[in-house]
Structures are given as structure tokens and as C-alpha cells.
C-alpha atoms as a PDB file:
ATOM      1  CA  MET A   1     -13.680  13.266 -21.850  1.00  0.00           C
ATOM      2  CA  ARG A   2     -15.206  10.496 -23.891  1.00  0.00           C
ATOM      3  CA  THR A   3     -12.199   9.457 -26.001  1.00  0.00           C
ATOM      4  CA  LEU A   4      -8.439   9.091 -25.770  1.00  0.00           C
ATOM      5  CA  GLU A   5      -8.065  11.942 -28.277  1.00  0.00           C
ATOM      6  CA  GLU A   6      -9.924  14.294 -25.923  1.00  0.00           C
ATOM      7  CA  ILE A   7      -7.689  13.228 -23.030  1.00  0.00           C
ATOM      8  CA  LYS A   8      -4.568  13.628 -25.182  1.00  0.00           C
ATOM      9  CA  GLY A   9      -5.760  17.127 -26.144  1.00  0.00           C
ATOM     10  CA  ARG A  10      -5.715  18.163 -22.457  1.00  0.00           C
ATOM     11  CA  CYS A  11      -2.165  16.867 -21.948  1.00  0.00           C
ATOM     12  CA  VAL A  12       1.313  18.205 -22.572  1.00  0.00           C
ATOM     13  CA  ILE A  13       3.237  15.652 -24.615  1.00  0.00           C
ATOM     14  CA  THR A  14       6.883  15.383 -23.523  1.00  0.00           C
ATOM     15  CA  ASP A  15       9.866  14.274 -25.597  1.00  0.00           C
ATOM     16  CA  ASP A  16      10.054  10.961 -23.750  1.00  0.00           C
ATOM     17  CA  GLY A  17       6.421  10.072 -24.516  1.00  0.00           C
ATOM     18  CA  HIS A  18       4.583  11.129 -21.363  1.00  0.00           C
ATOM     19  CA  TRP A  19       1.121  12.683 -21.648  1.00  0.00           C
ATOM     20  CA  LEU A  20       1.115  15.031 -18.655  1.00  0.00           C
ATOM     21  CA  TRP A  21      -2.428  15.966 -17.617  1.00  0.00           C
ATOM     22  CA  ARG A  22      -3.085  19.724 -17.409  1.00  0.00           C
ATOM     23  CA  GLY A  23      -6.493  19.450 -15.739  1.00  0.00           C
ATOM     24  CA  ALA A  24      -7.511  18.777 -12.164  1.00  0.00           C
ATOM     25  CA  LEU A  25      -5.210  16.638 -10.029  1.00  0.00           C
ATOM     26  CA  ARG A  26      -5.973  14.550  -6.965  1.00  0.00           C
ATOM     27  CA  HIS A  27      -4.252  15.253  -3.647  1.00  0.00           C
ATOM     28  CA  ASP A  28      -1.528  12.726  -4.500  1.00  0.00           C
ATOM     29  CA  GLY A  29      -0.722  14.310  -7.914  1.00  0.00           C
ATOM     30  CA  ARG A  30      -2.596  11.835 -10.125  1.00  0.00           C
ATOM     31  CA  PRO A  31      -5.062  13.139 -12.747  1.00  0.00           C
ATOM     32  CA  ASN A  32      -8.753  13.446 -11.901  1.00  0.00           C
ATOM     33  CA  ILE A  33     -10.675  12.849 -15.156  1.00  0.00           C
ATOM     34  CA  TYR A  34     -14.409  12.863 -15.938  1.00  0.00           C
ATOM     35  CA  ALA A  35     -14.755   9.904 -18.318  1.00  0.00           C
ATOM     36  CA  PRO A  36     -16.794   6.749 -18.962  1.00  0.00           C
ATOM     37  CA  ASP A  37     -16.596   4.281 -16.094  1.00  0.00           C
ATOM     38  CA  TYR A  38     -17.463   0.751 -17.201  1.00  0.00           C
ATOM     39  CA  THR A  39     -16.566  -0.754 -13.808  1.00  0.00           C
ATOM     40  CA  ARG A  40     -18.872   1.189 -11.480  1.00  0.00           C
ATOM     41  CA  ALA A  41     -21.236   3.146 -13.736  1.00  0.00           C
ATOM     42  CA  ASP A  42     -21.872   0.862 -16.762  1.00  0.00           C
ATOM     43  CA  GLY A  43     -20.167   3.320 -19.102  1.00  0.00           C
ATOM     44  CA  GLY A  44     -21.684   6.435 -17.557  1.00  0.00           C
ATOM     45  CA  LEU A  45     -19.480   9.495 -17.162  1.00  0.00           C
ATOM     46  CA  ARG A  46     -17.872   9.749 -13.765  1.00  0.00           C
ATOM     47  CA  THR A  47     -14.875  11.440 -12.137  1.00  0.00           C
ATOM     48  CA  GLN A  48     -12.129   8.880 -11.598  1.00  0.00           C
ATOM     49  CA  CYS A  49      -8.398   8.459 -11.384  1.00  0.00           C
ATOM     50  CA  GLY A  50      -6.693   9.301 -14.674  1.00  0.00           C
ATOM     51  CA  MET A  51      -5.172   5.867 -15.198  1.00  0.00           C
ATOM     52  CA  ARG A  52      -8.540   4.152 -14.813  1.00  0.00           C
ATOM     53  CA  ALA A  53     -10.199   6.725 -17.065  1.00  0.00           C
ATOM     54  CA  VAL A  54      -7.613   6.152 -19.801  1.00  0.00           C
ATOM     55  CA  TRP A  55      -7.930   2.373 -19.442  1.00  0.00           C
ATOM     56  CA  HIS A  56     -11.738   2.599 -19.688  1.00  0.00           C
ATOM     57  CA  CYS A  57     -11.548   4.870 -22.765  1.00  0.00           C
ATOM     58  CA  ALA A  58      -9.022   2.589 -24.469  1.00  0.00           C
ATOM     59  CA  ASN A  59     -10.714  -0.751 -23.690  1.00  0.00           C
ATOM     60  CA  LYS A  60     -14.391   0.206 -23.319  1.00  0.00           C
ATOM     61  CA  LYS A  61     -14.961  -2.486 -20.709  1.00  0.00           C
ATOM     62  CA  ALA A  62     -14.899  -2.907 -16.930  1.00  0.00           C
ATOM     63  CA  VAL A  63     -11.722  -3.604 -14.988  1.00  0.00           C
ATOM     64  CA  PRO A  64     -12.010  -7.308 -14.038  1.00  0.00           C
ATOM     65  CA  ASP A  65     -12.510  -8.254 -10.387  1.00  0.00           C
ATOM     66  CA  GLY A  66      -9.184  -8.751  -8.623  1.00  0.00           C
ATOM     67  CA  PHE A  67      -7.346  -6.580 -11.153  1.00  0.00           C
ATOM     68  CA  ARG A  68      -5.724  -3.180 -10.761  1.00  0.00           C
ATOM     69  CA  VAL A  69      -4.954  -0.365 -13.211  1.00  0.00           C
ATOM     70  CA  PHE A  70      -1.642   1.384 -12.580  1.00  0.00           C
ATOM     71  CA  GLY A  71       0.976   3.545 -14.253  1.00  0.00           C
ATOM     72  CA  THR A  72       4.304   1.971 -15.149  1.00  0.00           C
ATOM     73  CA  CYS A  73       6.252   5.227 -15.476  1.00  0.00           C
ATOM     74  CA  ASP A  74       7.504   7.606 -12.774  1.00  0.00           C
ATOM     75  CA  GLU A  75       5.217  10.485 -13.805  1.00  0.00           C
ATOM     76  CA  LEU A  76       2.103  10.536 -11.599  1.00  0.00           C
ATOM     77  CA  ALA A  77       0.247  12.818 -14.037  1.00  0.00           C
ATOM     78  CA  CYS A  78       0.975  10.652 -17.113  1.00  0.00           C
ATOM     79  CA  CYS A  79      -2.062   9.570 -19.172  1.00  0.00           C
ATOM     80  CA  ASN A  80      -0.275   7.788 -22.026  1.00  0.00           C
ATOM     81  CA  PRO A  81      -2.090   4.456 -22.583  1.00  0.00           C
ATOM     82  CA  ALA A  82       1.284   2.834 -23.356  1.00  0.00           C
ATOM     83  CA  HIS A  83       2.360   3.663 -19.777  1.00  0.00           C
ATOM     84  CA  ILE A  84      -0.788   2.199 -18.176  1.00  0.00           C
ATOM     85  CA  LYS A  85      -1.232  -1.444 -17.323  1.00  0.00           C
ATOM     86  CA  CYS A  86      -4.079  -3.589 -15.959  1.00  0.00           C
ATOM     87  CA  THR A  87      -3.018  -6.762 -14.154  1.00  0.00           C
ATOM     88  CA  SER A  88      -4.068  -8.880 -11.201  1.00  0.00           C
ATOM     89  CA  VAL A  89      -3.363  -7.560  -7.728  1.00  0.00           C
ATOM     90  CA  VAL A  90      -0.862 -10.405  -7.235  1.00  0.00           C
ATOM     91  CA  ALA A  91       1.009  -9.507 -10.438  1.00  0.00           C
ATOM     92  CA  TYR A  92       0.964  -5.825  -9.396  1.00  0.00           C
ATOM     93  CA  GLY A  93       2.550  -6.733  -6.043  1.00  0.00           C
ATOM     94  CA  ALA A  94       5.191  -8.819  -7.807  1.00  0.00           C
ATOM     95  CA  TRP A  95       5.922  -5.898 -10.165  1.00  0.00           C
ATOM     96  CA  LEU A  96       6.275  -3.514  -7.203  1.00  0.00           C
ATOM     97  CA  GLN A  97       8.664  -5.897  -5.495  1.00  0.00           C
ATOM     98  CA  ALA A  98      10.716  -6.484  -8.651  1.00  0.00           C
ATOM     99  CA  THR A  99      11.029  -2.781  -9.482  1.00  0.00           C
ATOM    100  CA  GLY A 100      11.518  -1.613  -5.875  1.00  0.00           C
ATOM    101  CA  LYS A 101       9.227   1.301  -6.703  1.00  0.00           C
ATOM    102  CA  LEU A 102       8.034   1.809  -3.112  1.00  0.00           C
ATOM    103  CA  LYS A 103      11.238   0.765  -1.343  1.00  0.00           C
ATOM    104  CA  GLY A 104      12.671   3.245   1.155  1.00  0.00           C
ATOM    105  CA  GLN A 105       9.610   5.494   1.411  1.00  0.00           C
ATOM    106  CA  THR A 106       9.488   6.780   4.978  1.00  0.00           C
ATOM    107  CA  THR A 107       5.689   6.889   5.186  1.00  0.00           C
ATOM    108  CA  ARG A 108       5.428   3.239   4.136  1.00  0.00           C
ATOM    109  CA  ILE A 109       8.194   2.173   6.525  1.00  0.00           C
ATOM    110  CA  LEU A 110       6.461   3.879   9.468  1.00  0.00           C
ATOM    111  CA  ALA A 111       3.083   2.431   8.458  1.00  0.00           C
ATOM    112  CA  ASN A 112       4.520  -1.084   8.306  1.00  0.00           C
ATOM    113  CA  ARG A 113       6.119  -0.643  11.720  1.00  0.00           C
ATOM    114  CA  ALA A 114       2.792   0.519  13.148  1.00  0.00           C
ATOM    115  CA  ILE A 115       1.080  -2.528  11.661  1.00  0.00           C
ATOM    116  CA  GLY A 116       3.710  -4.758  13.241  1.00  0.00           C
ATOM    117  CA  ARG A 117       3.142  -3.151  16.647  1.00  0.00           C
ATOM    118  CA  GLN A 118      -0.615  -3.637  16.330  1.00  0.00           C
ATOM    119  CA  ARG A 119      -0.119  -7.307  15.420  1.00  0.00           C
ATOM    120  CA  ALA A 120       2.076  -7.897  18.447  1.00  0.00           C
ATOM    121  CA  LEU A 121       0.303 -10.226  20.808  1.00  0.00           C
ATOM    122  CA  LEU A 122       2.335  -9.432  23.897  1.00  0.00           C
ATOM    123  CA  THR A 123       3.621  -6.266  25.512  1.00  0.00           C
ATOM    124  CA  PRO A 124       7.353  -5.893  26.232  1.00  0.00           C
ATOM    125  CA  GLU A 125       6.705  -6.701  29.921  1.00  0.00           C
ATOM    126  CA  GLN A 126       4.863  -9.900  28.985  1.00  0.00           C
ATOM    127  CA  ILE A 127       7.696 -10.924  26.651  1.00  0.00           C
ATOM    128  CA  LEU A 128      10.191 -10.478  29.474  1.00  0.00           C
ATOM    129  CA  TYR A 129       7.918 -12.545  31.712  1.00  0.00           C
ATOM    130  CA  VAL A 130       7.754 -15.316  29.056  1.00  0.00           C
ATOM    131  CA  GLN A 131      11.516 -15.317  28.561  1.00  0.00           C
ATOM    132  CA  THR A 132      12.331 -15.507  32.278  1.00  0.00           C
ATOM    133  CA  SER A 133       9.508 -17.793  33.442  1.00  0.00           C
ATOM    134  CA  LYS A 134      10.155 -21.375  34.491  1.00  0.00           C
ATOM    135  CA  LYS A 135       6.585 -22.359  33.540  1.00  0.00           C
ATOM    136  CA  THR A 136       5.915 -24.609  30.569  1.00  0.00           C
ATOM    137  CA  GLY A 137       4.865 -23.123  27.250  1.00  0.00           C
ATOM    138  CA  VAL A 138       1.401 -24.675  27.543  1.00  0.00           C
ATOM    139  CA  ALA A 139       0.847 -23.119  30.985  1.00  0.00           C
ATOM    140  CA  LEU A 140       2.054 -19.708  29.824  1.00  0.00           C
ATOM    141  CA  ALA A 141      -0.081 -19.904  26.673  1.00  0.00           C
ATOM    142  CA  ASP A 142      -3.188 -20.578  28.764  1.00  0.00           C
ATOM    143  CA  GLU A 143      -2.284 -17.794  31.199  1.00  0.00           C
ATOM    144  CA  LEU A 144      -1.618 -15.144  28.505  1.00  0.00           C
ATOM    145  CA  GLY A 145      -4.232 -16.296  25.991  1.00  0.00           C
ATOM    146  CA  VAL A 146      -1.848 -16.904  23.058  1.00  0.00           C
ATOM    147  CA  SER A 147      -0.732 -20.000  21.169  1.00  0.00           C
ATOM    148  CA  THR A 148       2.239 -22.094  22.165  1.00  0.00           C
ATOM    149  CA  SER A 149       3.923 -21.363  18.819  1.00  0.00           C
ATOM    150  CA  VAL A 150       3.831 -17.633  19.594  1.00  0.00           C
ATOM    151  CA  LEU A 151       5.438 -18.262  22.976  1.00  0.00           C
ATOM    152  CA  SER A 152       8.134 -20.425  21.408  1.00  0.00           C
ATOM    153  CA  LYS A 153       9.001 -17.625  18.987  1.00  0.00           C
ATOM    154  CA  TYR A 154       9.245 -15.087  21.800  1.00  0.00           C
ATOM    155  CA  ARG A 155      11.434 -17.428  23.847  1.00  0.00           C
ATOM    156  CA  ARG A 156      13.763 -17.940  20.879  1.00  0.00           C
ATOM    157  CA  GLY A 157      13.776 -14.195  20.168  1.00  0.00           C
ATOM    158  CA  GLN A 158      12.235 -14.591  16.699  1.00  0.00           C
ATOM    159  CA  SER A 159       9.219 -12.337  17.155  1.00  0.00           C
ATOM    160  CA  ILE A 160      10.490  -8.776  17.270  1.00  0.00           C
ATOM    161  CA  ALA A 161       7.219  -6.880  16.861  1.00  0.00           C
ATOM    162  CA  VAL A 162       6.259  -5.347  20.193  1.00  0.00           C
ATOM    163  CA  ARG A 163       3.761  -2.747  21.249  1.00  0.00           C
ATOM    164  CA  ALA A 164       5.274   0.619  22.058  1.00  0.00           C
ATOM    165  CA  ASP A 165       4.149   1.927  25.439  1.00  0.00           C
ATOM    166  CA  GLY A 166       4.646   5.577  24.552  1.00  0.00           C
ATOM    167  CA  GLY A 167       5.285   6.437  20.955  1.00  0.00           C
ATOM    168  CA  LEU A 168       7.723   5.439  18.281  1.00  0.00           C
ATOM    169  CA  PHE A 169      10.532   7.508  19.836  1.00  0.00           C
ATOM    170  CA  SER A 170       9.524   7.309  23.512  1.00  0.00           C
ATOM    171  CA  ALA A 171      12.751   5.554  24.552  1.00  0.00           C
ATOM    172  CA  LEU A 172      14.864   8.229  22.895  1.00  0.00           C
ATOM    173  CA  ILE A 173      12.982  11.058  24.549  1.00  0.00           C
ATOM    174  CA  SER A 174      13.144   9.486  28.000  1.00  0.00           C
ATOM    175  CA  GLY A 175      16.870   8.855  27.668  1.00  0.00           C
ATOM    176  CA  GLY A 176      16.470   5.129  27.089  1.00  0.00           C
ATOM    177  CA  ARG A 177      14.425   4.509  30.260  1.00  0.00           C
ATOM    178  CA  ALA A 178      11.197   3.407  28.496  1.00  0.00           C
END
């Protein structure tokens, strides 16, 4: 596909303006299009995500550093250039937050919880030790190898991310005795 007309010819045009790609799809349902890639191949033909391919065909230039090409509609297979946007990563994040597009997705919720557990500096046993210890925050920080601000948060109950000893549902399986 070298032009938008060629891409449009491989799509089903819906009444509400979507160009739904009829060719190969990626594992996540987005189009996989062989088109000029000005970002990584200096305009050479390359297989790429449909939104990037459409953006490259429409603009004939590279996607700027720190920018992202994304679809603004709910159809993953849509290749309509009017439904494709290229903005900075920061603006993309703000758009996601404003639209709530990813809110409530179970896979993202579980991934964020896992990240929080990995970022936890102390195990549940260490947190209990910090909360019940009579030692000063400086002494505990030296002993456990964390900052005094982290200890203060744990003592006030502000830091809720903890490492799970078993799995995500280990306390449920063991009857709450984790």
C-alpha cells in the first residue's frame, strides 16, 4: 500500500465513517499494513500498525520523537485518517485520562496492582515491625535500608502497596490466614 486510496480500497466503509481494514490484523485486532515507513525506514515499505501506516501515507514524513499515533474512535480496525491523531505522549496520556478510554479494564487494573507490589519497599512483616517498633525513624531507616520518609508513610498508614507473599488471592484461598 503506497497511498491512502490503496488503503481505502482494502477497507469496508461504514455508514458512520469508519474504514474497517479487511486485510491482516495484529493479535490485538489492529490492522497490519505494508506501507511506507518514514520513521524507521526512510520511506521504505515496511509492515507496521495500520494507524502509523495511514499517518505515514497521509503526511509523508516521520513521526516526531516523543509523539504517538493513535486512533480516536472505538474501532480497532479503523483506518480513516480523520480518526487518527498524532500528538505528544503527554497529550495522549491526558486524552486517555479525559476520555476514560482505558478505565475499568481488568488487565490494566491487575497490571497496575502488580507494579505497586513490585515498588513496595517493605514486606507486610516489616511494615508491622515499623508500626509497632519503639525505635526512631532514623534507626529503623538505617536498619531496613529505606528512607525516613518511606517509614513515616508506613507509620501513618499512607503507603498501601505491599508485596504479596503468595499470590494475588492467597489470603482468600487460605481462609484469610496469609
